[in-house]
Amino acid sequence: MQQINTFVEKYLSTVHIPKTLVWTDIAEIIIISFLVYQILAWIRNTRTWAYLRGVIVILGFLLIAAIFNMSTIIWMAGKVFSVAAIALVIILQPELRRALEQLGQKNIMTSLFPFDSGREQEGRFSDKTIGEIVRAAVEMGKAKTGALIVVEQNTSLAEYERTGIEVDGIVTSQLLINIFEHNTPLHDGAVIIRGNRITWATCYLPLSDNMRLSKDLGTRHRAGVGISEETDSLTVIVSEETGRISVAYEGKLDRNVDAQQLRHRLELVQNKETDEKKKKKITWKGRGKREEN
């Protein structure tokens, strides 16, 4: 306890607190708060969020080392941080470039005064959308039409959308079936669904390198697992060879799911608290065979 008090007195003594506040101080507080909020909101919708959590854990250990005056650890951290800062910029280079692009396109007034606050939260989709996805997957399974449908949640899929073609249409089973129909311009690649709309098609996804996946799985299934390893999205896969439906989520692959099981998995990520869900939690279990990490 004495060490903690000494640490607090040592570092808080350097903090300058003004006795009076003028209007410029208030303006600075508002501007800094707004900028910090915007940065955190941007980080939350990118893979940078995972890196940030790791950095917070490391900083926590360093805080403990500083409190207990572990000089060797502090000295090593000081040497490593000078290199780590440059490495972090290189790692996050694509995200930083997109952030600057979005900043140039952003409407500042809309950010300050969100007039659409009553609008349905982005990422939530309706029961009708679930029904359309299930109907399309079942019909394509009967016809042995390969399909790869990615349902976005909190993590933005913008970087994968850039590899495809914009569609921006309401989710319907007819539209999904037409997109994946053989010999059509949009059938190759993945479809991305955000909310109740199909945003992009023919998107390329990262392939999973998980060695535990079955050897008989093709590129479509490995792409579905790959995107679920890097984001929190749910992917519906229809096999072109067998017509069977699979679901990839959180790096795991459930194979041979039926229409009811697929509906339950979509309801699980729907982000909609209903009376039925309050009474009975939907579990991520089914009769389908699961491929795990």
Protein backbone atom coordinates (compact mmCIF):
# COMPACT_ATOMS: atom_id res chain seq x y z
CA MET A 1 0.00 0.00 0.00
CA GLN A 2 2.88 2.34 0.77
CA GLN A 3 4.31 1.72 -2.72
CA ILE A 4 0.98 2.58 -4.34
CA ASN A 5 0.71 5.82 -2.36
CA THR A 6 4.26 6.76 -3.30
CA PHE A 7 3.52 6.07 -6.97
CA VAL A 8 0.33 8.17 -6.92
CA GLU A 9 2.05 11.09 -5.15
CA LYS A 10 5.01 10.96 -7.54
CA TYR A 11 3.00 11.13 -10.76
CA LEU A 12 -0.03 13.12 -9.68
CA SER A 13 2.22 15.87 -8.36
CA THR A 14 3.14 16.71 -11.96
CA VAL A 15 -0.50 17.14 -13.00
CA HIS A 16 -1.49 20.80 -13.29
CA ILE A 17 -5.11 21.55 -12.40
CA PRO A 18 -6.16 25.15 -13.15
CA LYS A 19 -7.99 27.04 -10.44
CA THR A 20 -10.42 28.63 -12.86
CA LEU A 21 -11.93 27.47 -16.16
CA VAL A 22 -12.37 29.81 -19.13
CA TRP A 23 -14.45 29.14 -22.23
CA THR A 24 -11.41 27.95 -24.19
CA ASP A 25 -10.79 25.22 -21.60
CA ILE A 26 -14.38 24.02 -21.96
CA ALA A 27 -14.05 24.08 -25.75
CA GLU A 28 -10.86 22.01 -25.51
CA ILE A 29 -12.58 19.44 -23.29
CA ILE A 30 -15.47 19.12 -25.76
CA ILE A 31 -13.16 18.81 -28.79
CA ILE A 32 -10.88 16.26 -27.13
CA SER A 33 -13.87 14.23 -25.90
CA PHE A 34 -15.36 14.21 -29.39
CA LEU A 35 -12.09 13.13 -30.99
CA VAL A 36 -11.52 10.37 -28.44
CA TYR A 37 -15.08 9.12 -28.95
CA GLN A 38 -14.69 9.08 -32.74
CA ILE A 39 -11.37 7.22 -32.51
CA LEU A 40 -12.82 4.61 -30.16
CA ALA A 41 -15.91 4.20 -32.36
CA TRP A 42 -13.67 3.67 -35.41
CA ILE A 43 -11.46 1.19 -33.55
CA ARG A 44 -14.51 -0.73 -32.31
CA ASN A 45 -15.59 -1.49 -35.90
CA THR A 46 -12.21 -2.75 -37.08
CA ARG A 47 -9.82 -5.55 -36.21
CA THR A 48 -7.80 -2.90 -34.36
CA TRP A 49 -10.11 -3.51 -31.38
CA ALA A 50 -8.46 -6.88 -30.77
CA TYR A 51 -4.99 -5.27 -30.92
CA LEU A 52 -6.11 -2.53 -28.53
CA ARG A 53 -7.25 -5.06 -25.94
CA GLY A 54 -3.85 -6.70 -26.12
CA VAL A 55 -2.12 -3.34 -25.67
CA ILE A 56 -4.33 -2.59 -22.64
CA VAL A 57 -3.28 -5.89 -21.03
CA ILE A 58 0.39 -5.06 -21.59
CA LEU A 59 -0.06 -1.55 -20.18
CA GLY A 60 -1.72 -3.07 -17.12
CA PHE A 61 1.36 -5.20 -16.46
CA LEU A 62 3.61 -2.17 -16.96
CA LEU A 63 1.52 -0.15 -14.50
CA ILE A 64 2.03 -2.86 -11.89
CA ALA A 65 5.76 -2.87 -12.66
CA ALA A 66 5.90 0.93 -12.24
CA ILE A 67 4.02 0.82 -8.94
CA PHE A 68 6.41 -1.76 -7.49
CA ASN A 69 9.45 -0.09 -9.08
CA MET A 70 10.50 -3.07 -11.23
CA SER A 71 13.23 -1.12 -13.00
CA THR A 72 14.40 -3.92 -15.31
CA ILE A 73 10.94 -4.48 -16.79
CA ILE A 74 10.43 -0.73 -17.21
CA TRP A 75 13.82 -0.38 -18.93
CA MET A 76 13.04 -3.26 -21.32
CA ALA A 77 9.61 -1.81 -22.10
CA GLY A 78 11.14 1.56 -22.92
CA LYS A 79 13.52 -0.04 -25.42
CA VAL A 80 10.80 -2.17 -27.03
CA PHE A 81 8.19 0.60 -27.32
CA SER A 82 10.32 2.69 -29.66
CA VAL A 83 10.30 -0.18 -32.17
CA ALA A 84 6.75 -1.32 -31.36
CA ALA A 85 5.31 2.10 -32.25
CA ILE A 86 6.73 1.85 -35.79
CA ALA A 87 5.63 -1.79 -36.11
CA LEU A 88 2.11 -0.87 -35.01
CA VAL A 89 1.83 1.79 -37.70
CA ILE A 90 2.93 -0.74 -40.34
CA ILE A 91 0.47 -3.39 -39.10
CA LEU A 92 -2.44 -0.96 -39.01
CA GLN A 93 -1.55 0.77 -42.27
CA PRO A 94 -4.67 -0.45 -44.19
CA GLU A 95 -6.99 0.55 -41.33
CA LEU A 96 -5.34 3.96 -40.96
CA ARG A 97 -5.66 4.63 -44.69
CA ARG A 98 -9.36 3.73 -44.65
CA ALA A 99 -9.89 5.89 -41.55
CA LEU A 100 -8.47 8.93 -43.36
CA GLU A 101 -10.68 8.19 -46.36
CA GLN A 102 -13.75 7.93 -44.15
CA LEU A 103 -12.81 11.16 -42.37
CA GLY A 104 -12.80 12.98 -45.70
CA GLN A 105 -16.21 11.58 -46.59
CA LYS A 106 -17.76 11.99 -43.12
CA ASN A 107 -20.49 14.54 -42.43
CA ILE A 108 -19.29 16.23 -39.24
CA MET A 109 -22.68 17.80 -38.47
CA THR A 110 -24.38 14.41 -38.67
CA SER A 111 -21.82 13.01 -36.22
CA LEU A 112 -22.35 15.87 -33.78
CA PHE A 113 -26.16 15.83 -34.07
CA PRO A 114 -27.41 12.31 -34.85
CA PHE A 115 -30.87 13.08 -36.22
CA ASP A 116 -31.41 9.39 -37.06
CA SER A 117 -30.97 8.19 -33.48
CA GLY A 118 -34.42 6.60 -33.55
CA ARG A 119 -33.48 4.45 -36.51
CA GLU A 120 -33.09 0.71 -36.04
CA GLN A 121 -29.60 -0.25 -34.90
CA GLU A 122 -27.29 -1.24 -37.73
CA GLY A 123 -26.48 -4.90 -37.81
CA ARG A 124 -29.94 -6.03 -36.62
CA PHE A 125 -32.05 -7.82 -39.19
CA SER A 126 -35.68 -8.82 -39.23
CA ASP A 127 -37.35 -12.21 -38.94
CA LYS A 128 -38.32 -11.82 -42.59
CA THR A 129 -34.64 -11.60 -43.53
CA ILE A 130 -33.95 -14.81 -41.59
CA GLY A 131 -36.77 -16.54 -43.44
CA GLU A 132 -35.48 -15.36 -46.82
CA ILE A 133 -31.92 -16.58 -46.09
CA VAL A 134 -33.17 -19.98 -44.88
CA ARG A 135 -35.48 -20.37 -47.88
CA ALA A 136 -32.72 -19.47 -50.32
CA ALA A 137 -30.21 -21.86 -48.69
CA VAL A 138 -32.68 -24.75 -48.77
CA GLU A 139 -33.65 -24.13 -52.40
CA MET A 140 -30.01 -23.80 -53.51
CA GLY A 141 -29.20 -26.98 -51.58
CA LYS A 142 -31.87 -28.89 -53.49
CA ALA A 143 -30.48 -27.61 -56.79
CA LYS A 144 -26.85 -28.12 -55.64
CA THR A 145 -26.04 -24.49 -56.25
CA GLY A 146 -22.95 -23.39 -54.34
CA ALA A 147 -23.40 -20.33 -52.13
CA LEU A 148 -21.43 -18.28 -49.61
CA ILE A 149 -23.51 -15.81 -47.55
CA VAL A 150 -21.79 -13.68 -44.89
CA VAL A 151 -23.99 -11.97 -42.27
CA GLU A 152 -22.21 -8.99 -40.71
CA GLN A 153 -22.44 -8.25 -36.99
CA ASN A 154 -20.35 -5.72 -35.04
CA THR A 155 -17.05 -6.06 -36.91
CA SER A 156 -17.13 -4.13 -40.16
CA LEU A 157 -16.62 -6.12 -43.37
CA ALA A 158 -15.76 -3.00 -45.40
CA GLU A 159 -12.29 -4.25 -46.32
CA TYR A 160 -13.79 -7.38 -47.90
CA GLU A 161 -16.54 -5.42 -49.64
CA ARG A 162 -13.87 -3.57 -51.61
CA THR A 163 -13.07 -6.80 -53.46
CA GLY A 164 -16.63 -7.23 -54.74
CA ILE A 165 -19.43 -5.54 -56.66
CA GLU A 166 -22.03 -3.33 -54.95
CA VAL A 167 -25.60 -4.64 -54.98
CA ASP A 168 -27.50 -2.76 -52.24
CA GLY A 169 -30.75 -4.67 -52.44
CA ILE A 170 -33.28 -5.93 -49.89
CA VAL A 171 -32.62 -9.52 -48.82
CA THR A 172 -34.96 -11.87 -50.69
CA SER A 173 -34.59 -15.55 -51.47
CA GLN A 174 -35.10 -14.84 -55.18
CA LEU A 175 -32.26 -12.32 -55.25
CA LEU A 176 -29.88 -14.64 -53.41
CA ILE A 177 -30.73 -17.55 -55.71
CA ASN A 178 -30.24 -15.38 -58.80
CA ILE A 179 -26.88 -14.11 -57.55
CA PHE A 180 -25.49 -17.62 -57.07
CA GLU A 181 -27.03 -19.09 -60.22
CA HIS A 182 -24.43 -20.79 -62.41
CA ASN A 183 -22.86 -18.73 -65.22
CA THR A 184 -24.11 -15.40 -63.87
CA PRO A 185 -21.71 -12.45 -63.38
CA LEU A 186 -22.13 -12.40 -59.58
CA HIS A 187 -22.14 -16.11 -58.70
CA ASP A 188 -18.42 -16.38 -57.89
CA GLY A 189 -17.37 -15.25 -54.41
CA ALA A 190 -19.32 -14.29 -51.30
CA VAL A 191 -22.39 -12.16 -50.65
CA ILE A 192 -22.31 -9.78 -47.67
CA ILE A 193 -25.52 -9.01 -45.77
CA ARG A 194 -25.73 -5.97 -43.49
CA GLY A 195 -28.99 -5.51 -41.65
CA ASN A 196 -31.81 -6.31 -44.07
CA ARG A 197 -29.84 -5.59 -47.24
CA ILE A 198 -27.46 -7.43 -49.51
CA THR A 199 -24.68 -4.89 -49.79
CA TRP A 200 -22.00 -6.51 -51.96
CA ALA A 201 -21.46 -9.68 -54.02
CA THR A 202 -18.48 -11.55 -55.52
CA CYS A 203 -16.40 -10.67 -52.46
CA TYR A 204 -13.16 -12.55 -51.79
CA LEU A 205 -12.67 -13.89 -48.27
CA PRO A 206 -9.53 -15.06 -46.43
CA LEU A 207 -9.03 -18.83 -46.42
CA SER A 208 -8.63 -20.62 -43.12
CA ASP A 209 -5.34 -22.45 -42.60
CA ASN A 210 -6.76 -24.58 -39.79
CA MET A 211 -5.22 -28.02 -40.24
CA ARG A 212 -8.03 -29.65 -38.25
CA LEU A 213 -10.62 -28.99 -40.92
CA SER A 214 -11.62 -32.02 -42.97
CA LYS A 215 -9.55 -32.59 -46.10
CA ASP A 216 -12.68 -32.98 -48.21
CA LEU A 217 -13.67 -29.35 -47.65
CA GLY A 218 -13.19 -27.05 -50.60
CA THR A 219 -12.35 -23.38 -50.99
CA ARG A 220 -15.89 -22.22 -50.25
CA HIS A 221 -15.95 -23.85 -46.80
CA ARG A 222 -12.43 -22.71 -45.93
CA ALA A 223 -13.34 -19.15 -46.91
CA GLY A 224 -16.42 -19.32 -44.67
CA VAL A 225 -14.34 -20.49 -41.71
CA GLY A 226 -11.60 -17.97 -42.54
CA ILE A 227 -13.90 -14.94 -42.33
CA SER A 228 -15.40 -16.26 -39.07
CA GLU A 229 -11.89 -16.50 -37.58
CA GLU A 230 -11.10 -12.85 -38.36
CA THR A 231 -14.51 -11.28 -37.65
CA ASP A 232 -17.64 -11.97 -35.61
CA SER A 233 -19.73 -12.61 -38.73
CA LEU A 234 -21.81 -15.72 -39.39
CA THR A 235 -21.44 -17.44 -42.76
CA VAL A 236 -23.93 -19.74 -44.47
CA ILE A 237 -22.32 -22.16 -46.94
CA VAL A 238 -24.13 -24.34 -49.46
CA SER A 239 -22.04 -27.11 -51.00
CA GLU A 240 -22.09 -27.31 -54.78
CA GLU A 241 -21.13 -31.01 -54.69
CA THR A 242 -23.58 -32.32 -52.07
CA GLY A 243 -26.12 -29.51 -51.63
CA ARG A 244 -25.65 -29.67 -47.85
CA ILE A 245 -25.80 -26.53 -45.74
CA SER A 246 -23.02 -25.56 -43.30
CA VAL A 247 -22.62 -22.64 -40.89
CA ALA A 248 -19.30 -21.05 -39.91
CA TYR A 249 -19.15 -18.99 -36.73
CA GLU A 250 -16.33 -18.07 -34.34
CA GLY A 251 -13.86 -20.23 -36.27
CA LYS A 252 -16.03 -23.34 -36.03
CA LEU A 253 -17.91 -25.11 -38.81
CA ASP A 254 -21.22 -26.89 -38.29
CA ARG A 255 -21.95 -29.16 -41.23
CA ASN A 256 -25.16 -30.75 -42.51
CA VAL A 257 -27.56 -28.40 -40.73
CA ASP A 258 -31.25 -28.43 -41.65
CA ALA A 259 -33.59 -25.48 -42.12
CA GLN A 260 -34.64 -25.31 -38.47
CA GLN A 261 -31.06 -25.45 -37.20
CA LEU A 262 -30.04 -22.72 -39.67
CA ARG A 263 -32.90 -20.54 -38.47
CA HIS A 264 -31.79 -20.98 -34.85
CA ARG A 265 -28.21 -19.98 -35.66
CA LEU A 266 -29.38 -16.84 -37.43
CA GLU A 267 -31.65 -15.97 -34.51
CA LEU A 268 -28.65 -16.37 -32.22
CA VAL A 269 -26.84 -13.48 -33.92
CA GLN A 270 -29.96 -11.45 -34.71
CA ASN A 271 -29.33 -9.10 -31.76
CA LYS A 272 -33.02 -8.95 -31.04
CA GLU A 273 -34.26 -9.76 -27.55
CA THR A 274 -37.71 -11.34 -27.83
CA ASP A 275 -39.95 -12.77 -25.14
CA GLU A 276 -39.27 -16.26 -26.44
CA LYS A 277 -35.49 -15.76 -26.17
CA LYS A 278 -35.81 -14.43 -22.64
CA LYS A 279 -37.59 -17.62 -21.61
CA LYS A 280 -35.40 -20.00 -23.57
CA LYS A 281 -31.84 -19.23 -24.65
CA ILE A 282 -30.97 -20.45 -28.11
CA THR A 283 -27.94 -22.67 -27.88
CA TRP A 284 -25.24 -23.24 -30.46
CA LYS A 285 -25.95 -26.97 -30.60
CA GLY A 286 -27.43 -29.16 -33.26
CA ARG A 287 -27.33 -32.50 -34.89
CA GLY A 288 -24.92 -31.34 -37.58
CA LYS A 289 -21.32 -32.44 -37.61
CA ARG A 290 -18.96 -29.76 -36.30
CA GLU A 291 -15.43 -29.02 -37.41
CA GLU A 292 -13.57 -27.22 -34.60
CA ASN A 293 -10.23 -25.51 -34.15
